[in-house]
Amino acid sequence: MNAITANEKRTIVPGKIIGSVVVIFSEVMLFAGFISSFLISRANQSEWPPVGQERMPLEFTIINTLILLIGGIALYVGRTKKNAKPYIITALVTGILFFLLQGQEWSRLISYGMTVKENMYASFFYLIIGAHAIHVLMGILALTYLLLNERYKDDETSLAISMFWHFVVWLWPVLYYLIYIL
């Protein structure tokens, strides 16, 4: 029988994983607050989106959604591979592409006059989608850190970053449906 002595530590769940779970739960609560405010405000309006409001570019954004999902799948598959580097690079490149295409979409919407001041719909759009964009940027930085420091060989670090990236990736289809389609 292996008894644990007073000097031995037994780690059940590594600290980086616990930290990642805490961050993700906090972010879930943040987005739950944004989404519930959006849905309540939407339910209290007679017209949604407001009359004359530029419609969201569904086709353009579904392609961008697929790009982000490909990166999420690549990172998931890469966790099971001996050499995860190409999969992390794929996730990083698709994340950067998604971020740049979202920026292009925002530029176009602003040029059409859709600003935060225009109406509640536009305000919620920029708040929720902007918060997601910040998370995508944080994920891009974390994936870059993995690559530059070869931390993809460290299971604890790569798992913690993968968990965050998967949260960001799989949150997007929910936001896409609620903001762009519903």
Protein backbone atom coordinates (compact mmCIF):
# COMPACT_ATOMS: atom_id res chain seq x y z
CA MET A 1 0.00 0.00 0.00
CA ASN A 2 1.36 3.40 -0.95
CA ALA A 3 0.73 5.82 1.84
CA ILE A 4 1.17 9.52 1.18
CA THR A 5 3.57 11.07 3.61
CA ALA A 6 3.29 14.58 4.99
CA ASN A 7 6.00 15.80 2.58
CA GLU A 8 4.36 14.44 -0.57
CA LYS A 9 1.82 16.40 -2.54
CA ARG A 10 -0.86 14.70 -4.51
CA THR A 11 -2.25 16.79 -7.36
CA ILE A 12 -5.61 15.62 -8.57
CA VAL A 13 -6.26 18.50 -10.96
CA PRO A 14 -3.33 20.70 -12.03
CA GLY A 15 -3.51 24.38 -11.08
CA LYS A 16 -3.47 25.61 -14.69
CA ILE A 17 -6.53 23.50 -15.46
CA ILE A 18 -8.40 24.77 -12.39
CA GLY A 19 -7.48 28.32 -13.36
CA SER A 20 -8.72 27.77 -16.89
CA VAL A 21 -12.01 26.32 -15.63
CA VAL A 22 -12.51 29.31 -13.30
CA VAL A 23 -11.82 31.75 -16.16
CA ILE A 24 -14.20 29.91 -18.50
CA PHE A 25 -17.00 29.83 -15.91
CA SER A 26 -16.50 33.56 -15.32
CA GLU A 27 -16.69 34.19 -19.05
CA VAL A 28 -19.82 32.04 -19.36
CA MET A 29 -21.44 34.24 -16.71
CA LEU A 30 -20.31 37.40 -18.51
CA PHE A 31 -21.78 36.28 -21.82
CA ALA A 32 -24.91 34.93 -20.09
CA GLY A 33 -25.48 38.44 -18.72
CA PHE A 34 -24.95 40.02 -22.13
CA ILE A 35 -27.22 37.51 -23.86
CA SER A 36 -30.00 37.73 -21.28
CA SER A 37 -29.95 41.55 -21.48
CA PHE A 38 -30.08 41.30 -25.26
CA LEU A 39 -33.00 38.84 -25.23
CA ILE A 40 -34.98 40.84 -22.66
CA SER A 41 -34.46 44.06 -24.62
CA ARG A 42 -35.37 42.30 -27.85
CA ALA A 43 -38.57 40.90 -26.32
CA ASN A 44 -39.64 44.38 -25.22
CA GLN A 45 -39.40 45.88 -28.71
CA SER A 46 -42.23 45.83 -31.24
CA GLU A 47 -39.76 45.70 -34.17
CA TRP A 48 -36.52 43.77 -33.99
CA PRO A 49 -34.21 44.61 -35.57
CA PRO A 50 -35.39 48.22 -35.77
CA VAL A 51 -36.96 49.36 -39.05
CA GLY A 52 -34.27 50.48 -41.49
CA GLN A 53 -31.52 48.66 -39.62
CA GLU A 54 -28.88 47.16 -41.87
CA ARG A 55 -29.27 43.37 -41.80
CA MET A 56 -26.32 41.36 -40.68
CA PRO A 57 -24.26 39.77 -43.47
CA LEU A 58 -25.38 36.15 -42.92
CA GLU A 59 -23.53 34.52 -45.82
CA PHE A 60 -20.24 36.30 -45.18
CA THR A 61 -20.39 35.51 -41.48
CA ILE A 62 -21.32 31.84 -41.92
CA ILE A 63 -18.12 31.40 -43.93
CA ASN A 64 -16.21 33.14 -41.17
CA THR A 65 -17.93 30.87 -38.64
CA LEU A 66 -16.79 27.79 -40.57
CA ILE A 67 -13.24 29.15 -40.59
CA LEU A 68 -13.27 29.48 -36.80
CA LEU A 69 -14.82 26.03 -36.33
CA ILE A 70 -12.12 24.46 -38.52
CA GLY A 71 -9.53 25.94 -36.17
CA GLY A 72 -11.34 24.55 -33.15
CA ILE A 73 -11.54 21.09 -34.69
CA ALA A 74 -7.87 21.23 -35.70
CA LEU A 75 -6.82 22.05 -32.14
CA TYR A 76 -9.00 19.26 -30.77
CA VAL A 77 -7.55 16.71 -33.20
CA GLY A 78 -4.03 17.99 -32.54
CA ARG A 79 -4.27 17.15 -28.83
CA THR A 80 -4.23 13.46 -29.75
CA LYS A 81 -1.27 13.71 -32.13
CA LYS A 82 2.38 13.25 -31.28
CA ASN A 83 3.26 16.44 -33.17
CA ALA A 84 0.59 19.00 -32.30
CA LYS A 85 2.43 21.97 -33.82
CA PRO A 86 0.73 21.92 -37.28
CA TYR A 87 -2.68 21.74 -35.62
CA ILE A 88 -1.92 24.65 -33.32
CA ILE A 89 -0.69 26.63 -36.33
CA THR A 90 -3.98 25.84 -38.11
CA ALA A 91 -5.97 27.02 -35.09
CA LEU A 92 -3.86 30.17 -34.89
CA VAL A 93 -4.17 31.00 -38.60
CA THR A 94 -7.94 30.42 -38.63
CA GLY A 95 -8.28 32.55 -35.48
CA ILE A 96 -6.34 35.40 -37.07
CA LEU A 97 -8.35 35.09 -40.28
CA PHE A 98 -11.63 35.10 -38.31
CA PHE A 99 -10.51 38.19 -36.37
CA LEU A 100 -9.48 40.08 -39.52
CA LEU A 101 -12.69 39.18 -41.36
CA GLN A 102 -14.76 40.33 -38.37
CA GLY A 103 -12.85 43.61 -38.48
CA GLN A 104 -13.69 43.93 -42.16
CA GLU A 105 -17.36 43.29 -41.37
CA TRP A 106 -17.32 45.95 -38.65
CA SER A 107 -15.76 48.47 -41.04
CA ARG A 108 -18.47 47.82 -43.59
CA LEU A 109 -21.27 48.11 -40.99
CA ILE A 110 -19.82 51.36 -39.65
CA SER A 111 -19.57 52.74 -43.19
CA TYR A 112 -23.30 51.99 -43.57
CA GLY A 113 -23.93 54.09 -40.48
CA MET A 114 -24.39 51.28 -37.95
CA THR A 115 -22.78 52.66 -34.81
CA VAL A 116 -23.25 52.10 -31.10
CA LYS A 117 -25.31 55.31 -30.93
CA GLU A 118 -27.71 54.29 -33.70
CA ASN A 119 -30.02 52.05 -31.67
CA MET A 120 -30.18 49.30 -29.05
CA TYR A 121 -29.70 46.58 -31.66
CA ALA A 122 -26.42 48.09 -32.85
CA SER A 123 -25.29 48.68 -29.27
CA PHE A 124 -25.86 45.05 -28.33
CA PHE A 125 -24.20 43.89 -31.53
CA TYR A 126 -21.00 45.80 -30.80
CA LEU A 127 -21.03 44.92 -27.09
CA ILE A 128 -21.52 41.17 -27.51
CA ILE A 129 -19.59 40.62 -30.73
CA GLY A 130 -16.87 43.01 -29.55
CA ALA A 131 -16.48 41.08 -26.28
CA HIS A 132 -16.13 37.90 -28.31
CA ALA A 133 -13.54 39.58 -30.55
CA ILE A 134 -11.48 40.46 -27.46
CA HIS A 135 -11.62 36.80 -26.43
CA VAL A 136 -10.55 35.71 -29.91
CA LEU A 137 -7.60 38.09 -29.64
CA MET A 138 -6.67 36.67 -26.21
CA GLY A 139 -6.90 33.17 -27.70
CA ILE A 140 -4.66 34.19 -30.60
CA LEU A 141 -2.09 35.52 -28.12
CA ALA A 142 -2.29 32.32 -26.05
CA LEU A 143 -1.86 30.10 -29.12
CA THR A 144 1.09 32.25 -30.20
CA TYR A 145 2.60 31.78 -26.75
CA LEU A 146 2.21 28.00 -27.13
CA LEU A 147 4.04 28.04 -30.44
CA LEU A 148 6.83 30.49 -29.62
CA ASN A 149 7.69 28.80 -26.33
CA GLU A 150 7.02 25.27 -27.57
CA ARG A 151 4.57 24.88 -24.70
CA TYR A 152 2.44 22.55 -26.83
CA LYS A 153 4.76 19.85 -25.47
CA ASP A 154 3.58 20.72 -21.93
CA ASP A 155 0.26 18.95 -21.46
CA GLU A 156 -0.94 21.18 -18.64
CA THR A 157 -0.32 24.47 -20.45
CA SER A 158 -1.58 23.27 -23.81
CA LEU A 159 -4.72 21.77 -22.25
CA ALA A 160 -5.50 24.99 -20.36
CA ILE A 161 -5.08 27.10 -23.50
CA SER A 162 -7.02 24.57 -25.58
CA MET A 163 -9.90 24.71 -23.11
CA PHE A 164 -10.05 28.49 -23.43
CA TRP A 165 -9.81 28.37 -27.23
CA HIS A 166 -12.60 25.80 -27.45
CA PHE A 167 -14.78 28.00 -25.27
CA VAL A 168 -14.17 30.93 -27.64
CA VAL A 169 -14.76 28.80 -30.75
CA TRP A 170 -17.94 27.07 -29.56
CA LEU A 171 -19.42 30.25 -28.09
CA TRP A 172 -19.38 31.81 -31.55
CA PRO A 173 -22.15 29.68 -33.16
CA VAL A 174 -24.42 30.58 -30.22
CA LEU A 175 -23.69 34.28 -30.72
CA TYR A 176 -24.05 33.95 -34.48
CA TYR A 177 -27.50 32.42 -34.08
CA LEU A 178 -28.71 34.91 -31.47
CA ILE A 179 -27.34 38.10 -33.03
CA TYR A 180 -27.37 37.38 -36.74
CA ILE A 181 -30.27 34.96 -37.29
CA LEU A 182 -32.82 35.18 -34.44
